[in-house]
Amino acid sequence: MRGRWNRNKKETTEAHKSISMSFLKQHGYLSGVQWGGLKWTDGCGEETGSIGFRIWLEGSVGDIRFQYTYTQGHGDHKERLDYPVKLVATPCRYGGKRWWFICPLTKNGIACRRRILKLYLGGEYFGCRHCYELTYQSCQKHDARVDRLCEDPALIRELLKSKDWSQRTLALKALFKRGSLFL
């Protein structure tokens, strides 16, 4: 059998519902007091979830209050959730400001408080990808070309001489995987 099965593979961010600062900015929610909502759909356009929220911003601080019903399991237990997540703004180099969520989760008894641009629904509450131990789908893709290069140092040398940056990058990945920068 080719390949391997890895039960310790992390869940991906793409598999979770999320809300981003870019969505809020694009839809005009980042000023004063705003009410809004968000619906998620699957590939067929069927609704898979929705939330309501209220945003309050003043100066460089604020909060977003999420309001939704969380269903655990197969609809046996429903819980109405209503909680705030802090927002902060940092100045941009050429004027204006960038808004951030402050992760509200606690992991191992320690409050996260990371400044993030996207929150994920990995359980009952929204939090950062670090707290939910999520990875990106692209990080889980294995590049077999790097494995083949690791077995042929002469080919690595040739690729490093190439004018094509993608070929050079591939050769460097192989060198790092081998743990050697010297041939």
N, C-alpha and C. Protein backbone atom coordinates (compact mmCIF):
# COMPACT_ATOMS: atom_id res chain seq x y z
N MET A 1 0.84 -1.17 0.00
CA MET A 1 0.00 0.00 0.00
C MET A 1 0.88 1.24 0.00
N ARG A 2 0.60 2.18 -0.89
CA ARG A 2 1.37 3.40 -0.97
C ARG A 2 0.79 4.46 -0.04
N GLY A 3 1.63 5.38 0.36
CA GLY A 3 1.17 6.47 1.23
C GLY A 3 1.11 6.03 2.67
N ARG A 4 0.66 6.94 3.48
CA ARG A 4 0.53 6.62 4.90
C ARG A 4 -0.67 7.34 5.46
N TRP A 5 -1.18 6.79 6.51
CA TRP A 5 -2.34 7.37 7.17
C TRP A 5 -1.87 7.97 8.46
N ASN A 6 -2.21 9.23 8.69
CA ASN A 6 -1.73 9.92 9.88
C ASN A 6 -2.92 10.38 10.71
N ARG A 7 -3.15 9.70 11.82
CA ARG A 7 -4.29 10.08 12.66
C ARG A 7 -4.04 11.36 13.45
N ASN A 8 -2.78 11.81 13.52
CA ASN A 8 -2.45 13.01 14.28
C ASN A 8 -2.50 14.27 13.43
N LYS A 9 -3.03 14.18 12.22
CA LYS A 9 -3.11 15.34 11.35
C LYS A 9 -4.04 16.38 11.96
N LYS A 10 -3.60 17.62 11.96
CA LYS A 10 -4.40 18.70 12.54
C LYS A 10 -5.61 19.01 11.65
N GLU A 11 -6.64 19.57 12.28
CA GLU A 11 -7.78 20.07 11.53
C GLU A 11 -7.35 21.35 10.82
N THR A 12 -8.03 21.66 9.72
CA THR A 12 -7.65 22.84 8.95
C THR A 12 -8.61 24.00 9.21
N THR A 13 -8.11 25.20 8.97
CA THR A 13 -8.92 26.40 9.12
C THR A 13 -10.08 26.40 8.12
N GLU A 14 -9.83 25.82 6.95
CA GLU A 14 -10.85 25.81 5.90
C GLU A 14 -12.08 24.99 6.28
N ALA A 15 -11.94 24.09 7.26
CA ALA A 15 -13.05 23.23 7.67
C ALA A 15 -13.90 23.87 8.77
N HIS A 16 -13.59 25.10 9.16
CA HIS A 16 -14.32 25.76 10.25
C HIS A 16 -14.96 27.05 9.80
N LYS A 17 -16.07 27.38 10.42
CA LYS A 17 -16.71 28.67 10.18
C LYS A 17 -15.80 29.76 10.74
N SER A 18 -15.79 30.92 10.07
CA SER A 18 -14.91 31.99 10.53
C SER A 18 -15.53 33.35 10.24
N ILE A 19 -14.98 34.35 10.90
CA ILE A 19 -15.33 35.74 10.63
C ILE A 19 -14.02 36.52 10.63
N SER A 20 -13.87 37.39 9.63
CA SER A 20 -12.61 38.11 9.49
C SER A 20 -12.81 39.62 9.54
N MET A 21 -11.75 40.31 9.88
CA MET A 21 -11.77 41.77 9.86
C MET A 21 -12.00 42.28 8.45
N SER A 22 -11.47 41.59 7.45
CA SER A 22 -11.67 42.05 6.08
C SER A 22 -13.16 42.00 5.71
N PHE A 23 -13.90 40.99 6.18
CA PHE A 23 -15.35 40.93 5.95
C PHE A 23 -16.03 42.12 6.61
N LEU A 24 -15.69 42.40 7.86
CA LEU A 24 -16.31 43.52 8.58
C LEU A 24 -16.02 44.85 7.91
N LYS A 25 -14.77 45.03 7.46
CA LYS A 25 -14.39 46.28 6.79
C LYS A 25 -15.11 46.40 5.45
N GLN A 26 -15.12 45.32 4.68
CA GLN A 26 -15.73 45.33 3.35
C GLN A 26 -17.22 45.67 3.41
N HIS A 27 -17.89 45.28 4.49
CA HIS A 27 -19.31 45.51 4.61
C HIS A 27 -19.66 46.74 5.47
N GLY A 28 -18.65 47.56 5.79
CA GLY A 28 -18.88 48.84 6.45
C GLY A 28 -19.24 48.76 7.92
N TYR A 29 -18.80 47.71 8.61
CA TYR A 29 -19.13 47.56 10.03
C TYR A 29 -18.13 48.24 10.98
N LEU A 30 -17.02 48.74 10.47
CA LEU A 30 -15.97 49.24 11.36
C LEU A 30 -16.05 50.74 11.62
N SER A 31 -17.23 51.19 12.08
CA SER A 31 -17.37 52.59 12.51
C SER A 31 -18.56 52.68 13.47
N GLY A 32 -18.34 53.36 14.58
CA GLY A 32 -19.41 53.61 15.55
C GLY A 32 -20.05 52.35 16.11
N VAL A 33 -21.39 52.35 16.12
CA VAL A 33 -22.16 51.20 16.60
C VAL A 33 -22.91 50.61 15.41
N GLN A 34 -22.72 49.35 15.16
CA GLN A 34 -23.34 48.68 14.01
C GLN A 34 -23.93 47.34 14.43
N TRP A 35 -25.03 46.97 13.80
CA TRP A 35 -25.62 45.65 13.99
C TRP A 35 -25.50 44.91 12.68
N GLY A 36 -25.28 43.61 12.75
CA GLY A 36 -25.16 42.85 11.51
C GLY A 36 -25.34 41.37 11.73
N GLY A 37 -25.10 40.65 10.68
CA GLY A 37 -25.21 39.21 10.73
C GLY A 37 -24.39 38.57 9.63
N LEU A 38 -24.23 37.28 9.75
CA LEU A 38 -23.42 36.53 8.81
C LEU A 38 -24.02 35.14 8.66
N LYS A 39 -24.12 34.67 7.42
CA LYS A 39 -24.61 33.31 7.15
C LYS A 39 -23.52 32.55 6.43
N TRP A 40 -23.36 31.27 6.79
CA TRP A 40 -22.43 30.40 6.11
C TRP A 40 -23.24 29.42 5.28
N THR A 41 -22.72 29.08 4.10
CA THR A 41 -23.38 28.10 3.25
C THR A 41 -22.38 27.04 2.82
N ASP A 42 -22.91 25.89 2.41
CA ASP A 42 -22.04 24.84 1.88
C ASP A 42 -21.86 25.06 0.37
N GLY A 43 -21.21 24.14 -0.30
CA GLY A 43 -20.96 24.26 -1.73
C GLY A 43 -22.21 24.31 -2.58
N CYS A 44 -23.33 23.82 -2.07
CA CYS A 44 -24.59 23.80 -2.82
C CYS A 44 -25.47 25.00 -2.50
N GLY A 45 -25.01 25.90 -1.65
CA GLY A 45 -25.80 27.08 -1.30
C GLY A 45 -26.72 26.87 -0.12
N GLU A 46 -26.69 25.69 0.50
CA GLU A 46 -27.51 25.42 1.69
C GLU A 46 -26.89 26.09 2.90
N GLU A 47 -27.71 26.76 3.71
CA GLU A 47 -27.23 27.43 4.90
C GLU A 47 -26.76 26.41 5.93
N THR A 48 -25.53 26.61 6.46
CA THR A 48 -24.98 25.71 7.47
C THR A 48 -24.88 26.38 8.84
N GLY A 49 -25.09 27.68 8.88
CA GLY A 49 -25.03 28.39 10.15
C GLY A 49 -25.19 29.87 9.96
N SER A 50 -25.54 30.55 11.04
CA SER A 50 -25.67 32.01 10.99
C SER A 50 -25.45 32.58 12.38
N ILE A 51 -25.01 33.82 12.42
CA ILE A 51 -24.82 34.53 13.69
C ILE A 51 -25.29 35.97 13.52
N GLY A 52 -25.60 36.57 14.65
CA GLY A 52 -25.87 37.99 14.70
C GLY A 52 -24.77 38.62 15.52
N PHE A 53 -24.47 39.89 15.25
CA PHE A 53 -23.45 40.56 16.05
C PHE A 53 -23.74 42.04 16.14
N ARG A 54 -23.18 42.66 17.18
CA ARG A 54 -23.23 44.09 17.38
C ARG A 54 -21.80 44.56 17.58
N ILE A 55 -21.42 45.59 16.86
CA ILE A 55 -20.07 46.13 16.97
C ILE A 55 -20.15 47.53 17.56
N TRP A 56 -19.32 47.77 18.56
CA TRP A 56 -19.19 49.08 19.18
C TRP A 56 -17.73 49.48 19.10
N LEU A 57 -17.44 50.63 18.47
CA LEU A 57 -16.07 51.13 18.34
C LEU A 57 -16.02 52.57 18.81
N GLU A 58 -15.00 52.88 19.58
CA GLU A 58 -14.77 54.25 20.02
C GLU A 58 -13.27 54.48 20.10
N GLY A 59 -12.76 55.37 19.28
CA GLY A 59 -11.33 55.62 19.24
C GLY A 59 -10.61 54.40 18.70
N SER A 60 -9.73 53.83 19.53
CA SER A 60 -8.95 52.66 19.11
C SER A 60 -9.34 51.40 19.87
N VAL A 61 -10.51 51.40 20.51
CA VAL A 61 -10.97 50.21 21.23
C VAL A 61 -12.44 49.94 20.88
N GLY A 62 -12.87 48.76 21.20
CA GLY A 62 -14.26 48.42 20.95
C GLY A 62 -14.51 46.96 21.26
N ASP A 63 -15.68 46.49 20.86
CA ASP A 63 -15.95 45.07 20.99
C ASP A 63 -16.99 44.66 19.96
N ILE A 64 -17.03 43.37 19.73
CA ILE A 64 -18.05 42.77 18.88
C ILE A 64 -18.75 41.75 19.78
N ARG A 65 -20.07 41.83 19.85
CA ARG A 65 -20.85 40.91 20.67
C ARG A 65 -21.53 39.92 19.75
N PHE A 66 -21.15 38.64 19.90
CA PHE A 66 -21.72 37.57 19.08
C PHE A 66 -22.98 37.03 19.75
N GLN A 67 -23.99 36.75 18.94
CA GLN A 67 -25.24 36.17 19.44
C GLN A 67 -25.66 35.06 18.48
N TYR A 68 -25.68 33.83 18.99
CA TYR A 68 -26.06 32.70 18.16
C TYR A 68 -26.45 31.52 19.03
N THR A 69 -27.04 30.53 18.41
CA THR A 69 -27.40 29.30 19.10
C THR A 69 -26.41 28.22 18.69
N TYR A 70 -25.77 27.61 19.67
CA TYR A 70 -24.81 26.54 19.42
C TYR A 70 -25.51 25.21 19.64
N THR A 71 -25.45 24.34 18.65
CA THR A 71 -26.06 23.02 18.75
C THR A 71 -24.97 21.98 18.91
N GLN A 72 -25.04 21.24 20.00
CA GLN A 72 -24.03 20.23 20.28
C GLN A 72 -24.52 18.87 19.80
N GLY A 73 -23.65 18.13 19.14
CA GLY A 73 -24.02 16.80 18.65
C GLY A 73 -25.01 16.88 17.50
N HIS A 74 -26.03 16.04 17.56
CA HIS A 74 -27.02 15.96 16.49
C HIS A 74 -28.30 16.69 16.86
N GLY A 75 -28.17 17.87 17.44
CA GLY A 75 -29.33 18.69 17.76
C GLY A 75 -29.97 18.37 19.09
N ASP A 76 -29.32 17.54 19.92
CA ASP A 76 -29.88 17.16 21.21
C ASP A 76 -29.87 18.33 22.19
N HIS A 77 -28.76 19.06 22.23
CA HIS A 77 -28.61 20.13 23.20
C HIS A 77 -28.30 21.44 22.48
N LYS A 78 -29.16 22.44 22.68
CA LYS A 78 -28.94 23.76 22.08
C LYS A 78 -28.68 24.76 23.19
N GLU A 79 -27.70 25.62 22.94
CA GLU A 79 -27.34 26.63 23.93
C GLU A 79 -27.29 27.99 23.26
N ARG A 80 -27.97 28.96 23.82
CA ARG A 80 -27.98 30.33 23.30
C ARG A 80 -26.75 31.05 23.84
N LEU A 81 -25.90 31.54 22.96
CA LEU A 81 -24.67 32.21 23.38
C LEU A 81 -24.74 33.69 23.04
N ASP A 82 -24.21 34.49 23.92
CA ASP A 82 -24.18 35.94 23.77
C ASP A 82 -22.96 36.41 24.55
N TYR A 83 -21.88 36.76 23.84
CA TYR A 83 -20.64 37.14 24.52
C TYR A 83 -19.86 38.14 23.67
N PRO A 84 -19.05 38.98 24.33
CA PRO A 84 -18.25 39.96 23.59
C PRO A 84 -16.84 39.46 23.31
N VAL A 85 -16.25 40.00 22.25
CA VAL A 85 -14.84 39.81 21.94
C VAL A 85 -14.26 41.21 21.77
N LYS A 86 -13.16 41.48 22.45
CA LYS A 86 -12.55 42.82 22.39
C LYS A 86 -11.93 43.07 21.01
N LEU A 87 -11.96 44.34 20.63
CA LEU A 87 -11.34 44.81 19.40
C LEU A 87 -10.38 45.94 19.74
N VAL A 88 -9.24 45.98 19.06
CA VAL A 88 -8.29 47.08 19.22
C VAL A 88 -7.81 47.50 17.84
N ALA A 89 -7.38 48.75 17.76
CA ALA A 89 -6.86 49.27 16.50
C ALA A 89 -5.41 49.68 16.69
N THR A 90 -4.62 49.47 15.65
CA THR A 90 -3.25 49.95 15.65
C THR A 90 -3.10 50.91 14.48
N PRO A 91 -2.24 51.92 14.63
CA PRO A 91 -2.07 52.88 13.53
C PRO A 91 -1.31 52.25 12.37
N CYS A 92 -1.68 52.63 11.16
CA CYS A 92 -0.96 52.18 9.97
C CYS A 92 0.13 53.19 9.64
N ARG A 93 1.13 52.76 8.98
CA ARG A 93 2.30 53.59 8.69
C ARG A 93 1.94 54.87 7.93
N TYR A 94 1.04 54.77 6.96
CA TYR A 94 0.71 55.94 6.15
C TYR A 94 -0.67 56.50 6.46
N GLY A 95 -1.09 56.36 7.70
CA GLY A 95 -2.37 56.90 8.12
C GLY A 95 -3.43 55.82 8.25
N GLY A 96 -4.50 56.17 8.92
CA GLY A 96 -5.58 55.22 9.15
C GLY A 96 -5.25 54.27 10.28
N LYS A 97 -6.06 53.23 10.42
CA LYS A 97 -5.79 52.24 11.46
C LYS A 97 -6.27 50.86 11.02
N ARG A 98 -5.69 49.86 11.62
CA ARG A 98 -6.05 48.46 11.34
C ARG A 98 -6.70 47.90 12.60
N TRP A 99 -7.89 47.31 12.42
CA TRP A 99 -8.60 46.71 13.54
C TRP A 99 -8.25 45.24 13.69
N TRP A 100 -8.21 44.79 14.95
CA TRP A 100 -7.87 43.41 15.29
C TRP A 100 -8.88 42.86 16.30
N PHE A 101 -9.12 41.56 16.24
CA PHE A 101 -9.82 40.85 17.31
C PHE A 101 -8.78 40.51 18.38
N ILE A 102 -9.20 40.43 19.63
CA ILE A 102 -8.35 39.90 20.70
C ILE A 102 -8.95 38.54 21.06
N CYS A 103 -8.18 37.48 20.89
CA CYS A 103 -8.70 36.12 21.11
C CYS A 103 -9.23 36.00 22.54
N PRO A 104 -10.49 35.58 22.70
CA PRO A 104 -11.11 35.51 24.02
C PRO A 104 -10.90 34.19 24.75
N LEU A 105 -10.24 33.23 24.11
CA LEU A 105 -10.15 31.89 24.70
C LEU A 105 -9.06 31.78 25.75
N THR A 106 -9.22 30.77 26.58
CA THR A 106 -8.24 30.42 27.60
C THR A 106 -7.81 29.00 27.33
N LYS A 107 -6.50 28.77 27.31
CA LYS A 107 -5.97 27.43 27.05
C LYS A 107 -5.00 27.08 28.16
N ASN A 108 -5.22 25.94 28.79
CA ASN A 108 -4.40 25.50 29.92
C ASN A 108 -4.37 26.54 31.03
N GLY A 109 -5.50 27.21 31.25
CA GLY A 109 -5.61 28.19 32.32
C GLY A 109 -4.99 29.55 32.03
N ILE A 110 -4.51 29.74 30.80
CA ILE A 110 -3.86 31.00 30.44
C ILE A 110 -4.67 31.67 29.33
N ALA A 111 -5.04 32.94 29.55
CA ALA A 111 -5.79 33.67 28.54
C ALA A 111 -4.90 33.91 27.32
N CYS A 112 -5.43 33.67 26.15
CA CYS A 112 -4.65 33.80 24.91
C CYS A 112 -4.34 35.26 24.61
N ARG A 113 -5.36 36.07 24.41
CA ARG A 113 -5.25 37.51 24.14
C ARG A 113 -4.39 37.85 22.91
N ARG A 114 -4.28 36.92 21.96
CA ARG A 114 -3.56 37.22 20.72
C ARG A 114 -4.34 38.25 19.91
N ARG A 115 -3.63 39.09 19.21
CA ARG A 115 -4.22 40.05 18.29
C ARG A 115 -4.29 39.36 16.93
N ILE A 116 -5.51 39.17 16.41
CA ILE A 116 -5.69 38.37 15.20
C ILE A 116 -6.68 39.04 14.24
N LEU A 117 -6.61 38.65 12.98
CA LEU A 117 -7.49 39.21 11.96
C LEU A 117 -8.67 38.30 11.64
N LYS A 118 -8.63 37.06 12.12
CA LYS A 118 -9.70 36.12 11.81
C LYS A 118 -9.98 35.23 13.01
N LEU A 119 -11.27 35.05 13.31
CA LEU A 119 -11.71 34.17 14.39
C LEU A 119 -12.35 32.93 13.78
N TYR A 120 -12.14 31.78 14.42
CA TYR A 120 -12.70 30.51 13.95
C TYR A 120 -13.62 29.95 15.00
N LEU A 121 -14.68 29.29 14.55
CA LEU A 121 -15.60 28.61 15.45
C LEU A 121 -15.18 27.15 15.51
N GLY A 122 -14.35 26.83 16.51
CA GLY A 122 -13.82 25.48 16.64
C GLY A 122 -14.53 24.68 17.71
N GLY A 123 -15.50 25.24 18.35
CA GLY A 123 -16.28 24.62 19.42
C GLY A 123 -17.47 25.52 19.67
N GLU A 124 -17.73 25.80 20.92
CA GLU A 124 -18.84 26.71 21.24
C GLU A 124 -18.53 28.16 20.92
N TYR A 125 -17.28 28.56 21.13
CA TYR A 125 -16.90 29.97 21.04
C TYR A 125 -15.92 30.23 19.90
N PHE A 126 -15.91 31.49 19.45
CA PHE A 126 -14.93 31.91 18.45
C PHE A 126 -13.59 32.10 19.12
N GLY A 127 -12.51 31.73 18.42
CA GLY A 127 -11.16 31.89 18.94
C GLY A 127 -10.16 31.85 17.80
N CYS A 128 -8.90 32.00 18.13
CA CYS A 128 -7.85 32.02 17.11
C CYS A 128 -7.47 30.59 16.71
N ARG A 129 -6.79 30.47 15.60
CA ARG A 129 -6.40 29.15 15.10
C ARG A 129 -5.37 28.48 16.00
N HIS A 130 -4.62 29.27 16.74
CA HIS A 130 -3.61 28.71 17.65
C HIS A 130 -4.29 27.99 18.82
N CYS A 131 -5.31 28.61 19.38
CA CYS A 131 -6.02 28.00 20.51
C CYS A 131 -6.73 26.72 20.09
N TYR A 132 -7.27 26.70 18.88
CA TYR A 132 -7.96 25.51 18.39
C TYR A 132 -7.01 24.55 17.67
N GLU A 133 -5.72 24.89 17.64
CA GLU A 133 -4.68 24.06 17.01
C GLU A 133 -5.04 23.71 15.57
N LEU A 134 -5.41 24.74 14.81
CA LEU A 134 -5.76 24.57 13.40
C LEU A 134 -4.56 24.90 12.53
N THR A 135 -4.50 24.26 11.40
CA THR A 135 -3.46 24.55 10.43
C THR A 135 -4.13 24.90 9.11
N TYR A 136 -3.34 25.36 8.16
CA TYR A 136 -3.88 25.65 6.83
C TYR A 136 -3.80 24.39 5.98
N GLN A 137 -4.76 24.23 5.08
CA GLN A 137 -4.80 23.06 4.22
C GLN A 137 -3.52 22.95 3.39
N SER A 138 -2.99 24.08 2.94
CA SER A 138 -1.79 24.07 2.12
C SER A 138 -0.57 23.53 2.88
N CYS A 139 -0.57 23.66 4.20
CA CYS A 139 0.56 23.16 5.00
C CYS A 139 0.56 21.64 5.09
N GLN A 140 -0.54 21.01 4.80
CA GLN A 140 -0.63 19.56 4.92
C GLN A 140 -0.36 18.83 3.62
N LYS A 141 -0.08 19.58 2.57
CA LYS A 141 0.21 18.95 1.29
C LYS A 141 1.68 18.58 1.24
N HIS A 142 1.93 17.35 0.86
CA HIS A 142 3.29 16.83 0.81
C HIS A 142 3.84 17.00 -0.60
N ASP A 143 5.06 17.46 -0.72
CA ASP A 143 5.68 17.65 -2.02
C ASP A 143 6.67 16.52 -2.27
N ALA A 144 6.26 15.55 -3.10
CA ALA A 144 7.09 14.38 -3.39
C ALA A 144 8.35 14.76 -4.16
N ARG A 145 8.32 15.90 -4.88
CA ARG A 145 9.52 16.33 -5.62
C ARG A 145 10.69 16.58 -4.67
N VAL A 146 10.39 17.10 -3.49
CA VAL A 146 11.45 17.37 -2.52
C VAL A 146 12.08 16.06 -2.06
N ASP A 147 11.27 15.02 -1.86
CA ASP A 147 11.80 13.71 -1.47
C ASP A 147 12.76 13.16 -2.53
N ARG A 148 12.37 13.27 -3.80
CA ARG A 148 13.22 12.78 -4.88
C ARG A 148 14.53 13.57 -4.95
N LEU A 149 14.45 14.87 -4.74
CA LEU A 149 15.66 15.69 -4.77
C LEU A 149 16.62 15.34 -3.64
N CYS A 150 16.08 14.99 -2.50
CA CYS A 150 16.92 14.65 -1.35
C CYS A 150 17.83 13.47 -1.65
N GLU A 151 17.40 12.62 -2.56
CA GLU A 151 18.19 11.43 -2.90
C GLU A 151 19.24 11.72 -3.97
N ASP A 152 19.24 12.91 -4.56
CA ASP A 152 20.16 13.21 -5.66
C ASP A 152 20.81 14.59 -5.48
N PRO A 153 21.94 14.63 -4.74
CA PRO A 153 22.62 15.91 -4.49
C PRO A 153 23.07 16.62 -5.78
N ALA A 154 23.40 15.87 -6.82
CA ALA A 154 23.84 16.50 -8.07
C ALA A 154 22.69 17.29 -8.69
N LEU A 155 21.49 16.76 -8.62
CA LEU A 155 20.32 17.46 -9.16
C LEU A 155 20.03 18.73 -8.36
N ILE A 156 20.25 18.66 -7.05
CA ILE A 156 20.07 19.85 -6.22
C ILE A 156 21.03 20.94 -6.67
N ARG A 157 22.30 20.57 -6.91
CA ARG A 157 23.29 21.55 -7.36
C ARG A 157 22.86 22.20 -8.68
N GLU A 158 22.35 21.39 -9.59
CA GLU A 158 21.90 21.91 -10.89
C GLU A 158 20.74 22.90 -10.71
N LEU A 159 19.78 22.54 -9.86
CA LEU A 159 18.64 23.41 -9.66
C LEU A 159 19.04 24.73 -9.00
N LEU A 160 20.04 24.68 -8.12
CA LEU A 160 20.51 25.91 -7.48
C LEU A 160 21.15 26.87 -8.48
N LYS A 161 21.68 26.34 -9.59
CA LYS A 161 22.28 27.17 -10.63
C LYS A 161 21.23 27.74 -11.59
N SER A 162 20.03 27.22 -11.52
CA SER A 162 18.95 27.63 -12.44
C SER A 162 18.60 29.10 -12.26
N LYS A 163 18.13 29.72 -13.34
CA LYS A 163 17.66 31.10 -13.27
C LYS A 163 16.19 31.16 -12.85
N ASP A 164 15.54 30.02 -12.85
CA ASP A 164 14.13 29.93 -12.46
C ASP A 164 14.05 29.86 -10.93
N TRP A 165 13.43 30.89 -10.33
CA TRP A 165 13.37 30.96 -8.87
C TRP A 165 12.58 29.83 -8.26
N SER A 166 11.56 29.32 -8.95
CA SER A 166 10.78 28.21 -8.40
C SER A 166 11.64 26.95 -8.30
N GLN A 167 12.55 26.76 -9.27
CA GLN A 167 13.46 25.61 -9.21
C GLN A 167 14.46 25.77 -8.06
N ARG A 168 14.96 26.98 -7.89
CA ARG A 168 15.89 27.24 -6.78
C ARG A 168 15.20 27.01 -5.44
N THR A 169 13.95 27.47 -5.33
CA THR A 169 13.20 27.29 -4.09
C THR A 169 13.01 25.82 -3.77
N LEU A 170 12.70 25.04 -4.80
CA LEU A 170 12.53 23.59 -4.62
C LEU A 170 13.83 22.96 -4.12
N ALA A 171 14.96 23.38 -4.70
CA ALA A 171 16.26 22.85 -4.27
C ALA A 171 16.55 23.22 -2.82
N LEU A 172 16.22 24.45 -2.43
CA LEU A 172 16.45 24.87 -1.05
C LEU A 172 15.58 24.08 -0.08
N LYS A 173 14.34 23.80 -0.46
CA LYS A 173 13.48 22.97 0.39
C LYS A 173 14.10 21.60 0.62
N ALA A 174 14.66 21.03 -0.44
CA ALA A 174 15.30 19.72 -0.33
C ALA A 174 16.52 19.80 0.59
N LEU A 175 17.28 20.88 0.48
CA LEU A 175 18.46 21.03 1.35
C LEU A 175 18.04 21.13 2.81
N PHE A 176 17.01 21.90 3.09
CA PHE A 176 16.54 22.02 4.46
C PHE A 176 16.01 20.71 4.99
N LYS A 177 15.32 19.96 4.14
CA LYS A 177 14.79 18.67 4.57
C LYS A 177 15.92 17.70 4.89
N ARG A 178 17.00 17.77 4.09
CA ARG A 178 18.15 16.90 4.35
C ARG A 178 18.90 17.34 5.60
N GLY A 179 18.68 18.59 6.02
CA GLY A 179 19.38 19.11 7.18
C GLY A 179 20.77 19.56 6.85
N SER A 180 21.03 19.81 5.56
CA SER A 180 22.37 20.19 5.13
C SER A 180 22.28 21.34 4.15
N LEU A 181 23.06 22.38 4.39
CA LEU A 181 23.13 23.46 3.44
C LEU A 181 24.40 23.35 2.59
N PHE A 182 25.24 22.35 2.87
CA PHE A 182 26.49 22.19 2.14
C PHE A 182 26.46 20.87 1.39
N LEU A 183 26.84 20.89 0.15
CA LEU A 183 26.88 19.67 -0.67
C LEU A 183 28.29 19.24 -0.91
